[in-house]
């Protein structure tokens, strides 16, 4: 019964990751019911992890970290290294989302040290986190062997959710790179095409494999790309239809840049009063942008909006804020490299 309940809790975690929330909830309720009054470390750890992932894939909220930390502590205390390594990998993932560089390196290092070669879930997630962080630092060349390892382990396990996450994050990072270069005055048509191919691929994969979690994030990623390529009518339609839901699903940290993009699209369609109102909404959400990488593009886009609206004083203020934030982002990229370079990807088994 112990093994069966652990497997059911694992299934709940996977179902949460692909957006099958009703089935995940049913699995967790069954396991809780069977083990009420007689808690066992392995089942409790798996349940806490499943609950944490259920929370994470609902809205990317902070409650997920508490649940996963609890699962990590339980598994560590009981000497359950396989679960502990998986929890550490997910804690590294959450640290990456808030750009806590020391925590990324600490948790990823723990996961990679503890995970056996056959612990594919922990291996794929930990490798993916390191890959994304190195990619975020502007070093895809260093990220590639980590991506390859993550792909190997996810494919071996048949983990569509991890493959989907890998594709989405690659697309999002390519888009972030495009925007960083654009804000620096560099236009690269080939990079536009590369981003488009990544966005197309992740949408097709999720549709083919039935991955339904956080679907509005796909639409908003497409809207951002369309904004960068000047397809303002199509981009605005996607922002209008999906932005509110995307914010509920956890994109609050980049709400300001998304609203600034929306305002920019409105301006290009000569909706000046609406654009100003949207820009004010973007300003009101700037406090949610916790990292330089989130603030910099928001400041840059708001500067463009206020230039277009002939509000020169506000435009100059955001241009100065953008310059400082982009420099902060470059500094963060350097710190990521310093923290993660000591880690070494394993050779394929």
C-alpha atoms as a PDB file:
ATOM      1  CA  UNK A   1       0.000   0.000   0.000  1.00  0.00           C
ATOM      2  CA  UNK A   2       2.899   2.371   0.761  1.00  0.00           C
ATOM      3  CA  UNK A   3       4.354   2.006  -2.735  1.00  0.00           C
ATOM      4  CA  UNK A   4       0.929   2.350  -4.339  1.00  0.00           C
ATOM      5  CA  UNK A   5       0.138   5.551  -2.430  1.00  0.00           C
ATOM      6  CA  UNK A   6       3.550   7.027  -3.222  1.00  0.00           C
ATOM      7  CA  UNK A   7       2.981   6.310  -6.899  1.00  0.00           C
ATOM      8  CA  UNK A   8      -0.484   7.869  -6.732  1.00  0.00           C
ATOM      9  CA  UNK A   9       0.972  11.007  -5.130  1.00  0.00           C
ATOM     10  CA  UNK A  10       3.651  11.104  -7.839  1.00  0.00           C
ATOM     11  CA  UNK A  11       0.914  10.862 -10.436  1.00  0.00           C
ATOM     12  CA  UNK A  12      -0.898  13.748  -8.754  1.00  0.00           C
ATOM     13  CA  UNK A  13       2.257  15.848  -9.024  1.00  0.00           C
ATOM     14  CA  UNK A  14       2.593  15.074 -12.719  1.00  0.00           C
ATOM     15  CA  UNK A  15      -1.078  15.731 -13.397  1.00  0.00           C
ATOM     16  CA  UNK A  16      -0.785  19.118 -11.695  1.00  0.00           C
ATOM     17  CA  UNK A  17       2.171  19.953 -13.940  1.00  0.00           C
ATOM     18  CA  UNK A  18       0.188  19.313 -17.134  1.00  0.00           C
ATOM     19  CA  UNK A  19      -2.889  21.159 -15.873  1.00  0.00           C
ATOM     20  CA  UNK A  20      -5.073  18.110 -15.100  1.00  0.00           C
ATOM     21  CA  UNK A  21      -6.003  19.662 -11.774  1.00  0.00           C
ATOM     22  CA  UNK A  22      -9.224  17.754 -11.091  1.00  0.00           C
ATOM     23  CA  UNK A  23      -7.460  14.415 -11.492  1.00  0.00           C
ATOM     24  CA  UNK A  24      -4.537  15.630  -9.379  1.00  0.00           C
ATOM     25  CA  UNK A  25      -6.891  16.729  -6.618  1.00  0.00           C
ATOM     26  CA  UNK A  26      -8.683  13.377  -6.713  1.00  0.00           C
ATOM     27  CA  UNK A  27      -5.399  11.483  -6.406  1.00  0.00           C
ATOM     28  CA  UNK A  28      -4.265  13.603  -3.471  1.00  0.00           C
ATOM     29  CA  UNK A  29      -7.623  13.227  -1.704  1.00  0.00           C
ATOM     30  CA  UNK A  30      -7.438   9.449  -2.051  1.00  0.00           C
ATOM     31  CA  UNK A  31      -3.923   9.282  -0.625  1.00  0.00           C
ATOM     32  CA  UNK A  32      -4.803  11.586   2.250  1.00  0.00           C
ATOM     33  CA  UNK A  33      -7.875   9.512   3.075  1.00  0.00           C
ATOM     34  CA  UNK A  34      -5.938   6.252   3.132  1.00  0.00           C
ATOM     35  CA  UNK A  35      -3.215   7.639   5.370  1.00  0.00           C
ATOM     36  CA  UNK A  36      -5.150   9.864   7.747  1.00  0.00           C
ATOM     37  CA  UNK A  37      -4.022   9.294  11.306  1.00  0.00           C
ATOM     38  CA  UNK A  38      -0.962   7.234  10.339  1.00  0.00           C
ATOM     39  CA  UNK A  39       1.441   9.592   8.586  1.00  0.00           C
ATOM     40  CA  UNK A  40       4.488   8.059   6.935  1.00  0.00           C
ATOM     41  CA  UNK A  41       7.452  10.121   5.808  1.00  0.00           C
ATOM     42  CA  UNK A  42       7.534   9.035   2.169  1.00  0.00           C
ATOM     43  CA  UNK A  43       3.817   9.573   1.591  1.00  0.00           C
ATOM     44  CA  UNK A  44       3.795  12.869   3.488  1.00  0.00           C
ATOM     45  CA  UNK A  45       6.772  14.117   1.468  1.00  0.00           C
ATOM     46  CA  UNK A  46       5.188  13.152  -1.833  1.00  0.00           C
ATOM     47  CA  UNK A  47       1.883  14.759  -0.844  1.00  0.00           C
ATOM     48  CA  UNK A  48       3.545  18.020   0.167  1.00  0.00           C
ATOM     49  CA  UNK A  49       5.471  18.054  -3.113  1.00  0.00           C
ATOM     50  CA  UNK A  50       2.310  17.357  -5.120  1.00  0.00           C
ATOM     51  CA  UNK A  51       0.431  20.087  -3.255  1.00  0.00           C
ATOM     52  CA  UNK A  52       3.292  22.500  -3.869  1.00  0.00           C
ATOM     53  CA  UNK A  53       3.322  21.773  -7.580  1.00  0.00           C
ATOM     54  CA  UNK A  54      -0.463  22.067  -7.695  1.00  0.00           C
ATOM     55  CA  UNK A  55      -0.094  25.556  -6.269  1.00  0.00           C
ATOM     56  CA  UNK A  56       2.818  26.460  -8.533  1.00  0.00           C
ATOM     57  CA  UNK A  57       1.079  25.419 -11.736  1.00  0.00           C
ATOM     58  CA  UNK A  58      -2.112  27.201 -10.746  1.00  0.00           C
ATOM     59  CA  UNK A  59      -0.676  30.668 -10.215  1.00  0.00           C
ATOM     60  CA  UNK A  60       3.114  30.438  -9.701  1.00  0.00           C
ATOM     61  CA  UNK A  61       2.406  31.662  -6.164  1.00  0.00           C
ATOM     62  CA  UNK A  62       4.521  31.726  -3.010  1.00  0.00           C
ATOM     63  CA  UNK A  63       2.545  28.951  -1.275  1.00  0.00           C
ATOM     64  CA  UNK A  64       4.308  26.417  -3.463  1.00  0.00           C
ATOM     65  CA  UNK A  65       7.690  27.090  -1.857  1.00  0.00           C
ATOM     66  CA  UNK A  66       6.433  26.387   1.662  1.00  0.00           C
ATOM     67  CA  UNK A  67       4.956  23.041   0.614  1.00  0.00           C
ATOM     68  CA  UNK A  68       8.064  21.974  -1.272  1.00  0.00           C
ATOM     69  CA  UNK A  69      10.342  23.083   1.552  1.00  0.00           C
ATOM     70  CA  UNK A  70       8.281  20.914   3.893  1.00  0.00           C
ATOM     71  CA  UNK A  71       8.589  17.947   1.516  1.00  0.00           C
ATOM     72  CA  UNK A  72      12.338  18.566   1.308  1.00  0.00           C
ATOM     73  CA  UNK A  73      12.735  18.652   5.090  1.00  0.00           C
ATOM     74  CA  UNK A  74      10.666  15.486   5.589  1.00  0.00           C
ATOM     75  CA  UNK A  75      12.569  13.522   2.973  1.00  0.00           C
ATOM     76  CA  UNK A  76      15.953  14.722   4.250  1.00  0.00           C
ATOM     77  CA  UNK A  77      15.095  13.758   7.832  1.00  0.00           C
ATOM     78  CA  UNK A  78      13.968  10.296   6.709  1.00  0.00           C
ATOM     79  CA  UNK A  79      16.971   9.717   4.452  1.00  0.00           C
ATOM     80  CA  UNK A  80      14.809   9.532   1.321  1.00  0.00           C
ATOM     81  CA  UNK A  81      17.449  10.852  -1.053  1.00  0.00           C
ATOM     82  CA  UNK A  82      15.470  10.301  -4.242  1.00  0.00           C
ATOM     83  CA  UNK A  83      12.604  12.521  -3.056  1.00  0.00           C
ATOM     84  CA  UNK A  84      15.024  14.951  -1.410  1.00  0.00           C
ATOM     85  CA  UNK A  85      16.918  15.444  -4.659  1.00  0.00           C
ATOM     86  CA  UNK A  86      13.676  16.087  -6.549  1.00  0.00           C
ATOM     87  CA  UNK A  87      12.511  18.605  -3.939  1.00  0.00           C
ATOM     88  CA  UNK A  88      15.912  20.323  -4.067  1.00  0.00           C
ATOM     89  CA  UNK A  89      15.602  20.555  -7.862  1.00  0.00           C
ATOM     90  CA  UNK A  90      12.197  22.215  -7.555  1.00  0.00           C
ATOM     91  CA  UNK A  91      13.496  24.593  -4.890  1.00  0.00           C
ATOM     92  CA  UNK A  92      16.247  25.541  -7.353  1.00  0.00           C
ATOM     93  CA  UNK A  93      13.533  26.180  -9.944  1.00  0.00           C
ATOM     94  CA  UNK A  94      11.626  28.473  -7.574  1.00  0.00           C
ATOM     95  CA  UNK A  95      14.855  30.259  -6.645  1.00  0.00           C
ATOM     96  CA  UNK A  96      15.510  30.864 -10.342  1.00  0.00           C
ATOM     97  CA  UNK A  97      12.095  32.464 -10.767  1.00  0.00           C
ATOM     98  CA  UNK A  98      12.895  35.011  -8.050  1.00  0.00           C
ATOM     99  CA  UNK A  99      16.551  35.250  -9.221  1.00  0.00           C
ATOM    100  CA  UNK A 100      18.003  34.205  -5.864  1.00  0.00           C
ATOM    101  CA  UNK A 101      21.409  33.259  -7.241  1.00  0.00           C
ATOM    102  CA  UNK A 102      22.942  31.677  -4.094  1.00  0.00           C
ATOM    103  CA  UNK A 103      19.807  29.551  -3.605  1.00  0.00           C
ATOM    104  CA  UNK A 104      19.837  28.438  -7.245  1.00  0.00           C
ATOM    105  CA  UNK A 105      23.409  27.195  -6.921  1.00  0.00           C
ATOM    106  CA  UNK A 106      22.832  25.629  -3.491  1.00  0.00           C
ATOM    107  CA  UNK A 107      19.648  23.720  -4.337  1.00  0.00           C
ATOM    108  CA  UNK A 108      20.746  22.712  -7.834  1.00  0.00           C
ATOM    109  CA  UNK A 109      24.071  21.503  -6.481  1.00  0.00           C
ATOM    110  CA  UNK A 110      22.302  19.438  -3.828  1.00  0.00           C
ATOM    111  CA  UNK A 111      19.936  17.901  -6.360  1.00  0.00           C
ATOM    112  CA  UNK A 112      22.737  16.981  -8.732  1.00  0.00           C
ATOM    113  CA  UNK A 113      24.833  15.520  -5.935  1.00  0.00           C
ATOM    114  CA  UNK A 114      22.029  13.389  -4.471  1.00  0.00           C
ATOM    115  CA  UNK A 115      20.207  12.246  -7.610  1.00  0.00           C
ATOM    116  CA  UNK A 116      21.090   8.830  -8.930  1.00  0.00           C
ATOM    117  CA  UNK A 117      21.426   8.473 -12.722  1.00  0.00           C
ATOM    118  CA  UNK A 118      18.009   6.795 -12.796  1.00  0.00           C
ATOM    119  CA  UNK A 119      16.336   9.633 -10.816  1.00  0.00           C
ATOM    120  CA  UNK A 120      15.223  11.145 -14.093  1.00  0.00           C
ATOM    121  CA  UNK A 121      12.745  13.650 -12.626  1.00  0.00           C
ATOM    122  CA  UNK A 122      15.318  15.210 -10.322  1.00  0.00           C
ATOM    123  CA  UNK A 123      18.033  15.070 -12.969  1.00  0.00           C
ATOM    124  CA  UNK A 124      15.888  16.681 -15.671  1.00  0.00           C
ATOM    125  CA  UNK A 125      14.618  19.479 -13.429  1.00  0.00           C
ATOM    126  CA  UNK A 126      18.012  20.299 -11.885  1.00  0.00           C
ATOM    127  CA  UNK A 127      19.740  20.277 -15.280  1.00  0.00           C
ATOM    128  CA  UNK A 128      16.993  22.437 -16.744  1.00  0.00           C
ATOM    129  CA  UNK A 129      17.320  25.030 -13.975  1.00  0.00           C
ATOM    130  CA  UNK A 130      21.084  25.330 -14.488  1.00  0.00           C
ATOM    131  CA  UNK A 131      20.574  25.501 -18.260  1.00  0.00           C
ATOM    132  CA  UNK A 132      18.020  28.287 -17.951  1.00  0.00           C
ATOM    133  CA  UNK A 133      20.166  30.261 -15.520  1.00  0.00           C
ATOM    134  CA  UNK A 134      23.219  30.070 -17.786  1.00  0.00           C
ATOM    135  CA  UNK A 135      21.015  30.975 -20.737  1.00  0.00           C
ATOM    136  CA  UNK A 136      19.637  33.898 -18.741  1.00  0.00           C
ATOM    137  CA  UNK A 137      23.242  34.970 -18.216  1.00  0.00           C
ATOM    138  CA  UNK A 138      23.664  35.177 -21.983  1.00  0.00           C
ATOM    139  CA  UNK A 139      25.757  32.028 -22.344  1.00  0.00           C
ATOM    140  CA  UNK A 140      23.757  29.551 -24.396  1.00  0.00           C
ATOM    141  CA  UNK A 141      27.026  27.825 -25.262  1.00  0.00           C
ATOM    142  CA  UNK A 142      27.470  26.910 -21.595  1.00  0.00           C
ATOM    143  CA  UNK A 143      23.762  26.167 -21.184  1.00  0.00           C
ATOM    144  CA  UNK A 144      23.551  23.708 -24.080  1.00  0.00           C
ATOM    145  CA  UNK A 145      25.090  20.624 -22.392  1.00  0.00           C
ATOM    146  CA  UNK A 146      22.749  21.189 -19.443  1.00  0.00           C
ATOM    147  CA  UNK A 147      19.777  21.454 -21.805  1.00  0.00           C
ATOM    148  CA  UNK A 148      20.942  18.257 -23.491  1.00  0.00           C
ATOM    149  CA  UNK A 149      21.071  16.452 -20.136  1.00  0.00           C
ATOM    150  CA  UNK A 150      17.632  17.747 -19.166  1.00  0.00           C
ATOM    151  CA  UNK A 151      16.217  16.611 -22.514  1.00  0.00           C
ATOM    152  CA  UNK A 152      17.844  13.194 -22.163  1.00  0.00           C
ATOM    153  CA  UNK A 153      16.370  12.538 -18.723  1.00  0.00           C
ATOM    154  CA  UNK A 154      12.933  13.955 -19.569  1.00  0.00           C
ATOM    155  CA  UNK A 155      12.742  11.924 -22.761  1.00  0.00           C
ATOM    156  CA  UNK A 156      13.909   8.767 -21.009  1.00  0.00           C
ATOM    157  CA  UNK A 157      11.115   9.187 -18.470  1.00  0.00           C
ATOM    158  CA  UNK A 158       8.537  10.346 -21.021  1.00  0.00           C
ATOM    159  CA  UNK A 159       8.045  13.576 -19.076  1.00  0.00           C
ATOM    160  CA  UNK A 160       6.077  15.818 -21.446  1.00  0.00           C
ATOM    161  CA  UNK A 161       5.653  18.510 -18.789  1.00  0.00           C
ATOM    162  CA  UNK A 162       9.414  19.039 -18.484  1.00  0.00           C
ATOM    163  CA  UNK A 163       9.864  18.990 -22.251  1.00  0.00           C
ATOM    164  CA  UNK A 164       7.101  21.597 -22.525  1.00  0.00           C
ATOM    165  CA  UNK A 165       8.729  23.760 -19.825  1.00  0.00           C
ATOM    166  CA  UNK A 166      12.078  23.511 -21.582  1.00  0.00           C
ATOM    167  CA  UNK A 167      10.611  24.659 -24.879  1.00  0.00           C
ATOM    168  CA  UNK A 168       8.612  27.498 -23.322  1.00  0.00           C
ATOM    169  CA  UNK A 169      11.566  28.795 -21.336  1.00  0.00           C
ATOM    170  CA  UNK A 170      13.877  28.665 -24.328  1.00  0.00           C
ATOM    171  CA  UNK A 171      11.337  30.731 -26.259  1.00  0.00           C
ATOM    172  CA  UNK A 172      10.915  33.191 -23.393  1.00  0.00           C
ATOM    173  CA  UNK A 173      14.675  33.577 -22.964  1.00  0.00           C
ATOM    174  CA  UNK A 174      15.201  34.097 -26.700  1.00  0.00           C
ATOM    175  CA  UNK A 175      12.506  36.785 -26.545  1.00  0.00           C
ATOM    176  CA  UNK A 176      14.171  38.412 -23.526  1.00  0.00           C
ATOM    177  CA  UNK A 177      17.481  38.417 -25.399  1.00  0.00           C
ATOM    178  CA  UNK A 178      15.806  39.951 -28.436  1.00  0.00           C
ATOM    179  CA  UNK A 179      14.380  42.695 -26.273  1.00  0.00           C
ATOM    180  CA  UNK A 180      17.689  43.330 -24.496  1.00  0.00           C
ATOM    181  CA  UNK A 181      19.435  43.770 -27.851  1.00  0.00           C
ATOM    182  CA  UNK A 182      16.579  45.901 -29.183  1.00  0.00           C
ATOM    183  CA  UNK A 183      16.752  48.224 -26.184  1.00  0.00           C
ATOM    184  CA  UNK A 184      20.499  48.520 -26.807  1.00  0.00           C
ATOM    185  CA  UNK A 185      19.747  49.632 -30.376  1.00  0.00           C
ATOM    186  CA  UNK A 186      20.559  46.349 -32.116  1.00  0.00           C
ATOM    187  CA  UNK A 187      18.120  44.969 -34.688  1.00  0.00           C
ATOM    188  CA  UNK A 188      18.597  41.325 -35.664  1.00  0.00           C
ATOM    189  CA  UNK A 189      16.066  39.940 -38.167  1.00  0.00           C
ATOM    190  CA  UNK A 190      17.469  36.424 -37.826  1.00  0.00           C
ATOM    191  CA  UNK A 191      16.851  36.533 -34.067  1.00  0.00           C
ATOM    192  CA  UNK A 192      13.230  37.548 -34.703  1.00  0.00           C
ATOM    193  CA  UNK A 193      12.822  34.441 -36.847  1.00  0.00           C
ATOM    194  CA  UNK A 194      14.546  32.269 -34.261  1.00  0.00           C
ATOM    195  CA  UNK A 195      12.174  33.475 -31.545  1.00  0.00           C
ATOM    196  CA  UNK A 196       9.166  32.891 -33.800  1.00  0.00           C
ATOM    197  CA  UNK A 197      10.248  29.308 -34.437  1.00  0.00           C
ATOM    198  CA  UNK A 198      10.653  28.697 -30.697  1.00  0.00           C
ATOM    199  CA  UNK A 199       7.211  30.153 -29.935  1.00  0.00           C
ATOM    200  CA  UNK A 200       5.616  28.110 -32.742  1.00  0.00           C
ATOM    201  CA  UNK A 201       7.283  24.935 -31.513  1.00  0.00           C
ATOM    202  CA  UNK A 202       6.179  25.242 -27.906  1.00  0.00           C
ATOM    203  CA  UNK A 203       2.582  25.980 -28.899  1.00  0.00           C
ATOM    204  CA  UNK A 204       2.482  22.979 -31.223  1.00  0.00           C
ATOM    205  CA  UNK A 205       4.052  20.670 -28.650  1.00  0.00           C
ATOM    206  CA  UNK A 206       1.579  21.586 -25.910  1.00  0.00           C
ATOM    207  CA  UNK A 207      -1.339  21.171 -28.307  1.00  0.00           C
ATOM    208  CA  UNK A 208      -0.056  17.789 -29.523  1.00  0.00           C
ATOM    209  CA  UNK A 209       0.717  16.412 -26.069  1.00  0.00           C
ATOM    210  CA  UNK A 210      -2.287  17.891 -24.265  1.00  0.00           C
ATOM    211  CA  UNK A 211      -0.345  20.086 -21.819  1.00  0.00           C
ATOM    212  CA  UNK A 212      -2.985  22.462 -20.449  1.00  0.00           C
ATOM    213  CA  UNK A 213      -1.298  24.154 -17.480  1.00  0.00           C
ATOM    214  CA  UNK A 214      -0.756  27.915 -17.617  1.00  0.00           C
ATOM    215  CA  UNK A 215      -2.086  28.127 -21.186  1.00  0.00           C
ATOM    216  CA  UNK A 216      -2.530  31.894 -21.138  1.00  0.00           C
ATOM    217  CA  UNK A 217       1.239  32.230 -20.750  1.00  0.00           C
ATOM    218  CA  UNK A 218       1.614  30.833 -24.268  1.00  0.00           C
ATOM    219  CA  UNK A 219      -0.754  33.463 -25.649  1.00  0.00           C
ATOM    220  CA  UNK A 220       1.052  36.276 -23.870  1.00  0.00           C
ATOM    221  CA  UNK A 221       4.427  35.056 -25.121  1.00  0.00           C
ATOM    222  CA  UNK A 222       3.002  35.223 -28.637  1.00  0.00           C
ATOM    223  CA  UNK A 223       1.657  38.729 -27.943  1.00  0.00           C
ATOM    224  CA  UNK A 224       5.102  39.909 -26.827  1.00  0.00           C
ATOM    225  CA  UNK A 225       6.697  38.531 -29.977  1.00  0.00           C
ATOM    226  CA  UNK A 226       4.064  40.174 -32.170  1.00  0.00           C
ATOM    227  CA  UNK A 227       4.709  43.472 -30.395  1.00  0.00           C
ATOM    228  CA  UNK A 228       8.426  43.216 -31.139  1.00  0.00           C
ATOM    229  CA  UNK A 229       7.745  42.452 -34.808  1.00  0.00           C
ATOM    230  CA  UNK A 230       5.221  45.273 -35.258  1.00  0.00           C
ATOM    231  CA  UNK A 231       2.057  43.171 -35.613  1.00  0.00           C
ATOM    232  CA  UNK A 232       0.197  45.476 -33.257  1.00  0.00           C
ATOM    233  CA  UNK A 233      -3.380  44.538 -34.128  1.00  0.00           C
ATOM    234  CA  UNK A 234      -2.779  40.836 -33.502  1.00  0.00           C
ATOM    235  CA  UNK A 235      -0.690  41.512 -30.391  1.00  0.00           C
ATOM    236  CA  UNK A 236      -3.296  43.790 -28.850  1.00  0.00           C
ATOM    237  CA  UNK A 237      -6.049  41.244 -29.466  1.00  0.00           C
ATOM    238  CA  UNK A 238      -4.045  38.656 -27.508  1.00  0.00           C
ATOM    239  CA  UNK A 239      -3.249  41.076 -24.681  1.00  0.00           C
ATOM    240  CA  UNK A 240      -6.907  42.069 -24.397  1.00  0.00           C
ATOM    241  CA  UNK A 241      -8.080  38.452 -24.378  1.00  0.00           C
ATOM    242  CA  UNK A 242      -5.468  36.823 -22.150  1.00  0.00           C
ATOM    243  CA  UNK A 243      -3.562  39.364 -20.030  1.00  0.00           C
ATOM    244  CA  UNK A 244      -5.868  39.302 -17.015  1.00  0.00           C
ATOM    245  CA  UNK A 245      -5.831  35.500 -16.870  1.00  0.00           C
ATOM    246  CA  UNK A 246      -2.056  35.413 -17.305  1.00  0.00           C
ATOM    247  CA  UNK A 247      -1.648  37.749 -14.353  1.00  0.00           C
ATOM    248  CA  UNK A 248      -3.822  35.436 -12.247  1.00  0.00           C
ATOM    249  CA  UNK A 249      -1.640  32.514 -13.339  1.00  0.00           C
ATOM    250  CA  UNK A 250       1.490  34.109 -11.961  1.00  0.00           C
ATOM    251  CA  UNK A 251       2.883  36.726 -14.355  1.00  0.00           C
ATOM    252  CA  UNK A 252       2.544  39.506 -11.795  1.00  0.00           C
ATOM    253  CA  UNK A 253       6.303  39.998 -11.732  1.00  0.00           C
ATOM    254  CA  UNK A 254       6.246  41.133 -15.365  1.00  0.00           C
ATOM    255  CA  UNK A 255       2.805  42.775 -15.269  1.00  0.00           C
ATOM    256  CA  UNK A 256       4.375  46.204 -15.784  1.00  0.00           C
ATOM    257  CA  UNK A 257       6.200  45.291 -18.986  1.00  0.00           C
ATOM    258  CA  UNK A 258       3.165  43.445 -20.369  1.00  0.00           C
ATOM    259  CA  UNK A 259       0.934  46.446 -19.723  1.00  0.00           C
ATOM    260  CA  UNK A 260       3.577  48.760 -21.173  1.00  0.00           C
ATOM    261  CA  UNK A 261       3.633  46.581 -24.304  1.00  0.00           C
ATOM    262  CA  UNK A 262      -0.148  46.734 -24.417  1.00  0.00           C
ATOM    263  CA  UNK A 263       0.012  50.530 -24.170  1.00  0.00           C
ATOM    264  CA  UNK A 264       2.588  50.611 -26.977  1.00  0.00           C
ATOM    265  CA  UNK A 265       0.289  48.595 -29.223  1.00  0.00           C
ATOM    266  CA  UNK A 266      -2.605  50.915 -28.412  1.00  0.00           C
ATOM    267  CA  UNK A 267      -0.461  53.918 -29.312  1.00  0.00           C
ATOM    268  CA  UNK A 268       0.467  52.418 -32.674  1.00  0.00           C
ATOM    269  CA  UNK A 269      -3.261  52.062 -33.373  1.00  0.00           C
ATOM    270  CA  UNK A 270      -3.819  55.741 -32.442  1.00  0.00           C
ATOM    271  CA  UNK A 271      -5.638  54.993 -29.187  1.00  0.00           C
ATOM    272  CA  UNK A 272      -3.711  57.610 -27.242  1.00  0.00           C
ATOM    273  CA  UNK A 273      -6.003  58.156 -24.265  1.00  0.00           C
ATOM    274  CA  UNK A 274      -6.409  54.438 -23.694  1.00  0.00           C
ATOM    275  CA  UNK A 275      -2.653  53.994 -24.056  1.00  0.00           C
ATOM    276  CA  UNK A 276      -1.978  56.602 -21.370  1.00  0.00           C
ATOM    277  CA  UNK A 277      -4.397  54.876 -18.994  1.00  0.00           C
ATOM    278  CA  UNK A 278      -2.717  51.523 -19.667  1.00  0.00           C
ATOM    279  CA  UNK A 279       0.723  53.059 -19.108  1.00  0.00           C
ATOM    280  CA  UNK A 280      -0.475  54.335 -15.740  1.00  0.00           C
ATOM    281  CA  UNK A 281      -1.579  50.799 -14.886  1.00  0.00           C
ATOM    282  CA  UNK A 282       1.887  49.586 -15.855  1.00  0.00           C
ATOM    283  CA  UNK A 283       3.457  52.150 -13.527  1.00  0.00           C
ATOM    284  CA  UNK A 284       1.214  50.993 -10.686  1.00  0.00           C
ATOM    285  CA  UNK A 285       2.548  47.434 -11.098  1.00  0.00           C
ATOM    286  CA  UNK A 286       6.247  48.305 -11.234  1.00  0.00           C
ATOM    287  CA  UNK A 287       6.674  47.373  -7.559  1.00  0.00           C
ATOM    288  CA  UNK A 288       5.941  43.740  -8.490  1.00  0.00           C
ATOM    289  CA  UNK A 289       8.987  43.577 -10.769  1.00  0.00           C
ATOM    290  CA  UNK A 290      11.494  42.171  -8.286  1.00  0.00           C
ATOM    291  CA  UNK A 291      14.484  41.630 -10.586  1.00  0.00           C
ATOM    292  CA  UNK A 292      16.486  43.935 -12.812  1.00  0.00           C
ATOM    293  CA  UNK A 293      15.622  41.688 -15.743  1.00  0.00           C
ATOM    294  CA  UNK A 294      11.916  42.307 -15.130  1.00  0.00           C
ATOM    295  CA  UNK A 295      12.222  46.042 -14.470  1.00  0.00           C
ATOM    296  CA  UNK A 296      14.556  46.977 -17.321  1.00  0.00           C
ATOM    297  CA  UNK A 297      12.251  46.192 -20.271  1.00  0.00           C
ATOM    298  CA  UNK A 298       9.302  47.756 -18.441  1.00  0.00           C
ATOM    299  CA  UNK A 299      11.213  51.002 -17.957  1.00  0.00           C
ATOM    300  CA  UNK A 300      12.418  50.947 -21.559  1.00  0.00           C
ATOM    301  CA  UNK A 301       8.935  50.433 -22.967  1.00  0.00           C
ATOM    302  CA  UNK A 302       7.404  53.081 -20.714  1.00  0.00           C
ATOM    303  CA  UNK A 303      10.075  55.507 -21.879  1.00  0.00           C
ATOM    304  CA  UNK A 304       9.043  54.815 -25.478  1.00  0.00           C
ATOM    305  CA  UNK A 305       5.382  55.258 -24.632  1.00  0.00           C
ATOM    306  CA  UNK A 306       5.944  58.611 -22.934  1.00  0.00           C
ATOM    307  CA  UNK A 307       8.155  59.838 -25.780  1.00  0.00           C
ATOM    308  CA  UNK A 308       5.326  59.036 -28.181  1.00  0.00           C
ATOM    309  CA  UNK A 309       2.836  60.797 -25.899  1.00  0.00           C
ATOM    310  CA  UNK A 310       5.163  63.839 -25.791  1.00  0.00           C
ATOM    311  CA  UNK A 311       5.529  63.645 -22.028  1.00  0.00           C
ATOM    312  CA  UNK A 312       9.225  64.436 -22.143  1.00  0.00           C
ATOM    313  CA  UNK A 313       9.941  64.692 -18.419  1.00  0.00           C
ATOM    314  CA  UNK A 314       8.421  61.281 -17.718  1.00  0.00           C
ATOM    315  CA  UNK A 315      10.174  59.792 -20.729  1.00  0.00           C
ATOM    316  CA  UNK A 316      13.562  61.053 -19.515  1.00  0.00           C
ATOM    317  CA  UNK A 317      12.941  59.640 -16.042  1.00  0.00           C
ATOM    318  CA  UNK A 318      12.162  56.190 -17.428  1.00  0.00           C
ATOM    319  CA  UNK A 319      15.130  56.325 -19.786  1.00  0.00           C
ATOM    320  CA  UNK A 320      17.383  56.864 -16.763  1.00  0.00           C
ATOM    321  CA  UNK A 321      15.658  54.091 -14.817  1.00  0.00           C
ATOM    322  CA  UNK A 322      15.995  51.778 -17.806  1.00  0.00           C
ATOM    323  CA  UNK A 323      19.727  52.423 -18.141  1.00  0.00           C
ATOM    324  CA  UNK A 324      20.267  51.645 -14.462  1.00  0.00           C
ATOM    325  CA  UNK A 325      18.102  48.521 -14.585  1.00  0.00           C
ATOM    326  CA  UNK A 326      19.797  47.152 -17.705  1.00  0.00           C
ATOM    327  CA  UNK A 327      23.184  47.624 -16.024  1.00  0.00           C
ATOM    328  CA  UNK A 328      21.819  45.832 -12.974  1.00  0.00           C
ATOM    329  CA  UNK A 329      20.686  42.999 -15.214  1.00  0.00           C
ATOM    330  CA  UNK A 330      24.158  42.695 -16.709  1.00  0.00           C
ATOM    331  CA  UNK A 331      25.572  42.555 -13.173  1.00  0.00           C
ATOM    332  CA  UNK A 332      23.059  39.821 -12.282  1.00  0.00           C
ATOM    333  CA  UNK A 333      24.148  37.854 -15.342  1.00  0.00           C
ATOM    334  CA  UNK A 334      27.751  38.034 -14.130  1.00  0.00           C
ATOM    335  CA  UNK A 335      26.738  36.784 -10.670  1.00  0.00           C
ATOM    336  CA  UNK A 336      24.836  33.868 -12.212  1.00  0.00           C
ATOM    337  CA  UNK A 337      27.898  32.803 -14.147  1.00  0.00           C
ATOM    338  CA  UNK A 338      30.151  33.048 -11.112  1.00  0.00           C
ATOM    339  CA  UNK A 339      27.755  30.955  -9.012  1.00  0.00           C
ATOM    340  CA  UNK A 340      27.038  28.242 -11.571  1.00  0.00           C
ATOM    341  CA  UNK A 341      30.326  27.712 -13.372  1.00  0.00           C
ATOM    342  CA  UNK A 342      31.635  25.453 -10.572  1.00  0.00           C
ATOM    343  CA  UNK A 343      28.818  22.972 -11.394  1.00  0.00           C
ATOM    344  CA  UNK A 344      29.653  20.397 -14.032  1.00  0.00           C
ATOM    345  CA  UNK A 345      27.110  18.471 -16.130  1.00  0.00           C
ATOM    346  CA  UNK A 346      27.404  14.702 -15.987  1.00  0.00           C
ATOM    347  CA  UNK A 347      28.332  12.666 -19.003  1.00  0.00           C
ATOM    348  CA  UNK A 348      25.464  10.642 -20.489  1.00  0.00           C
ATOM    349  CA  UNK A 349      25.079   7.219 -18.934  1.00  0.00           C
END
